[in-house]
Amino acid sequence: MQRHDTELWQWRLSARCHEEDVEIFFPADAERRNARFEREDLAKEFCRGCAVVEECLAYALDTGQQHGVWGATTPGERLARLDR
């Protein structure tokens, strides 16, 4: 059974990125590979300093987020966790 949307997002209010521009967490159209790696590294470093990084990662895994950096992980890193 899936929780109510408000409950699912409650942790987000405590997130370090709550009032930040989301560009660092999601790719721009036609982003080049090296630019993507640099952006993802910056986003993951930002996430590591967040009080709710684990909740963010759990949300991304539970909801199958396929785009962007969530909980200091890239889509590929989350997929690898699910495959374990």
C-alpha atoms as a PDB file:
ATOM      1  CA  MET A   1       0.000   0.000   0.000  1.00  0.00           C
ATOM      2  CA  GLN A   2       1.402   3.393  -0.976  1.00  0.00           C
ATOM      3  CA  ARG A   3       1.389   6.224   1.547  1.00  0.00           C
ATOM      4  CA  HIS A   4      -0.392   9.493   0.897  1.00  0.00           C
ATOM      5  CA  ASP A   5       1.632  11.916  -1.270  1.00  0.00           C
ATOM      6  CA  THR A   6       2.006  14.473   1.539  1.00  0.00           C
ATOM      7  CA  GLU A   7       3.460  11.824   3.818  1.00  0.00           C
ATOM      8  CA  LEU A   8       5.801  10.643   1.068  1.00  0.00           C
ATOM      9  CA  TRP A   9       7.222  14.148   0.696  1.00  0.00           C
ATOM     10  CA  GLN A  10       7.298  15.231   4.366  1.00  0.00           C
ATOM     11  CA  TRP A  11      11.063  14.611   4.615  1.00  0.00           C
ATOM     12  CA  ARG A  12      11.598  17.054   1.733  1.00  0.00           C
ATOM     13  CA  LEU A  13      10.806  20.011   3.996  1.00  0.00           C
ATOM     14  CA  SER A  14      14.027  19.274   5.907  1.00  0.00           C
ATOM     15  CA  ALA A  15      16.105  18.692   2.782  1.00  0.00           C
ATOM     16  CA  ARG A  16      19.101  20.903   2.140  1.00  0.00           C
ATOM     17  CA  CYS A  17      17.920  21.335  -1.466  1.00  0.00           C
ATOM     18  CA  HIS A  18      14.393  22.373  -0.447  1.00  0.00           C
ATOM     19  CA  GLU A  19      14.769  25.927  -1.715  1.00  0.00           C
ATOM     20  CA  GLU A  20      17.645  25.382  -4.150  1.00  0.00           C
ATOM     21  CA  ASP A  21      17.599  25.498  -7.925  1.00  0.00           C
ATOM     22  CA  VAL A  22      17.113  21.932  -9.174  1.00  0.00           C
ATOM     23  CA  GLU A  23      19.403  22.374 -12.204  1.00  0.00           C
ATOM     24  CA  ILE A  24      22.326  20.807 -10.359  1.00  0.00           C
ATOM     25  CA  PHE A  25      20.301  17.633  -9.715  1.00  0.00           C
ATOM     26  CA  PHE A  26      18.810  17.086 -13.176  1.00  0.00           C
ATOM     27  CA  PRO A  27      20.467  17.056 -16.606  1.00  0.00           C
ATOM     28  CA  ALA A  28      20.005  19.844 -19.095  1.00  0.00           C
ATOM     29  CA  ASP A  29      18.868  18.968 -22.596  1.00  0.00           C
ATOM     30  CA  ALA A  30      21.775  17.616 -24.663  1.00  0.00           C
ATOM     31  CA  GLU A  31      24.177  17.659 -21.714  1.00  0.00           C
ATOM     32  CA  ARG A  32      27.620  16.379 -22.680  1.00  0.00           C
ATOM     33  CA  ARG A  33      29.085  13.414 -20.832  1.00  0.00           C
ATOM     34  CA  ASN A  34      31.888  15.284 -19.035  1.00  0.00           C
ATOM     35  CA  ALA A  35      29.503  18.068 -18.046  1.00  0.00           C
ATOM     36  CA  ARG A  36      27.091  15.463 -16.676  1.00  0.00           C
ATOM     37  CA  PHE A  37      29.823  13.819 -14.578  1.00  0.00           C
ATOM     38  CA  GLU A  38      30.885  17.200 -13.160  1.00  0.00           C
ATOM     39  CA  ARG A  39      27.309  18.226 -12.375  1.00  0.00           C
ATOM     40  CA  GLU A  40      26.531  14.858 -10.783  1.00  0.00           C
ATOM     41  CA  ASP A  41      29.660  15.039  -8.624  1.00  0.00           C
ATOM     42  CA  LEU A  42      28.657  18.519  -7.403  1.00  0.00           C
ATOM     43  CA  ALA A  43      25.105  17.379  -6.716  1.00  0.00           C
ATOM     44  CA  LYS A  44      26.223  14.267  -4.840  1.00  0.00           C
ATOM     45  CA  GLU A  45      28.609  16.325  -2.699  1.00  0.00           C
ATOM     46  CA  PHE A  46      25.764  18.739  -1.919  1.00  0.00           C
ATOM     47  CA  CYS A  47      23.533  15.791  -0.959  1.00  0.00           C
ATOM     48  CA  ARG A  48      26.106  14.258   1.361  1.00  0.00           C
ATOM     49  CA  GLY A  49      25.774  17.281   3.643  1.00  0.00           C
ATOM     50  CA  CYS A  50      22.002  16.869   3.927  1.00  0.00           C
ATOM     51  CA  ALA A  51      20.218  15.688   7.071  1.00  0.00           C
ATOM     52  CA  VAL A  52      17.681  13.641   5.082  1.00  0.00           C
ATOM     53  CA  VAL A  53      19.948  12.056   2.465  1.00  0.00           C
ATOM     54  CA  GLU A  54      18.835   8.542   3.475  1.00  0.00           C
ATOM     55  CA  GLU A  55      15.138   9.431   3.256  1.00  0.00           C
ATOM     56  CA  CYS A  56      15.755  10.975  -0.160  1.00  0.00           C
ATOM     57  CA  LEU A  57      17.498   7.849  -1.407  1.00  0.00           C
ATOM     58  CA  ALA A  58      14.752   5.615   0.003  1.00  0.00           C
ATOM     59  CA  TYR A  59      12.133   7.744  -1.773  1.00  0.00           C
ATOM     60  CA  ALA A  60      14.011   7.516  -5.069  1.00  0.00           C
ATOM     61  CA  LEU A  61      14.345   3.742  -4.775  1.00  0.00           C
ATOM     62  CA  ASP A  62      10.742   3.226  -3.624  1.00  0.00           C
ATOM     63  CA  THR A  63       9.305   5.342  -6.437  1.00  0.00           C
ATOM     64  CA  GLY A  64      11.691   4.247  -9.183  1.00  0.00           C
ATOM     65  CA  GLN A  65      13.174   7.661  -9.955  1.00  0.00           C
ATOM     66  CA  GLN A  66      15.016   7.209 -13.256  1.00  0.00           C
ATOM     67  CA  HIS A  67      16.328  10.748 -13.671  1.00  0.00           C
ATOM     68  CA  GLY A  68      18.423  13.077 -11.585  1.00  0.00           C
ATOM     69  CA  VAL A  69      20.532  12.834  -8.468  1.00  0.00           C
ATOM     70  CA  TRP A  70      18.564  11.689  -5.414  1.00  0.00           C
ATOM     71  CA  GLY A  71      20.091  10.812  -2.050  1.00  0.00           C
ATOM     72  CA  ALA A  72      23.623  11.349  -3.385  1.00  0.00           C
ATOM     73  CA  THR A  73      23.151   8.740  -6.125  1.00  0.00           C
ATOM     74  CA  THR A  74      22.831   8.824  -9.896  1.00  0.00           C
ATOM     75  CA  PRO A  75      20.219   6.821 -11.806  1.00  0.00           C
ATOM     76  CA  GLY A  76      22.855   4.196 -12.646  1.00  0.00           C
ATOM     77  CA  GLU A  77      23.931   3.895  -9.022  1.00  0.00           C
ATOM     78  CA  ARG A  78      20.323   3.430  -7.903  1.00  0.00           C
ATOM     79  CA  LEU A  79      19.736   0.798 -10.560  1.00  0.00           C
ATOM     80  CA  ALA A  80      22.814  -1.094  -9.363  1.00  0.00           C
ATOM     81  CA  ARG A  81      21.456  -1.042  -5.784  1.00  0.00           C
ATOM     82  CA  LEU A  82      18.145  -2.474  -6.955  1.00  0.00           C
ATOM     83  CA  ASP A  83      19.898  -5.224  -8.895  1.00  0.00           C
ATOM     84  CA  ARG A  84      21.693  -6.498  -5.780  1.00  0.00           C
END
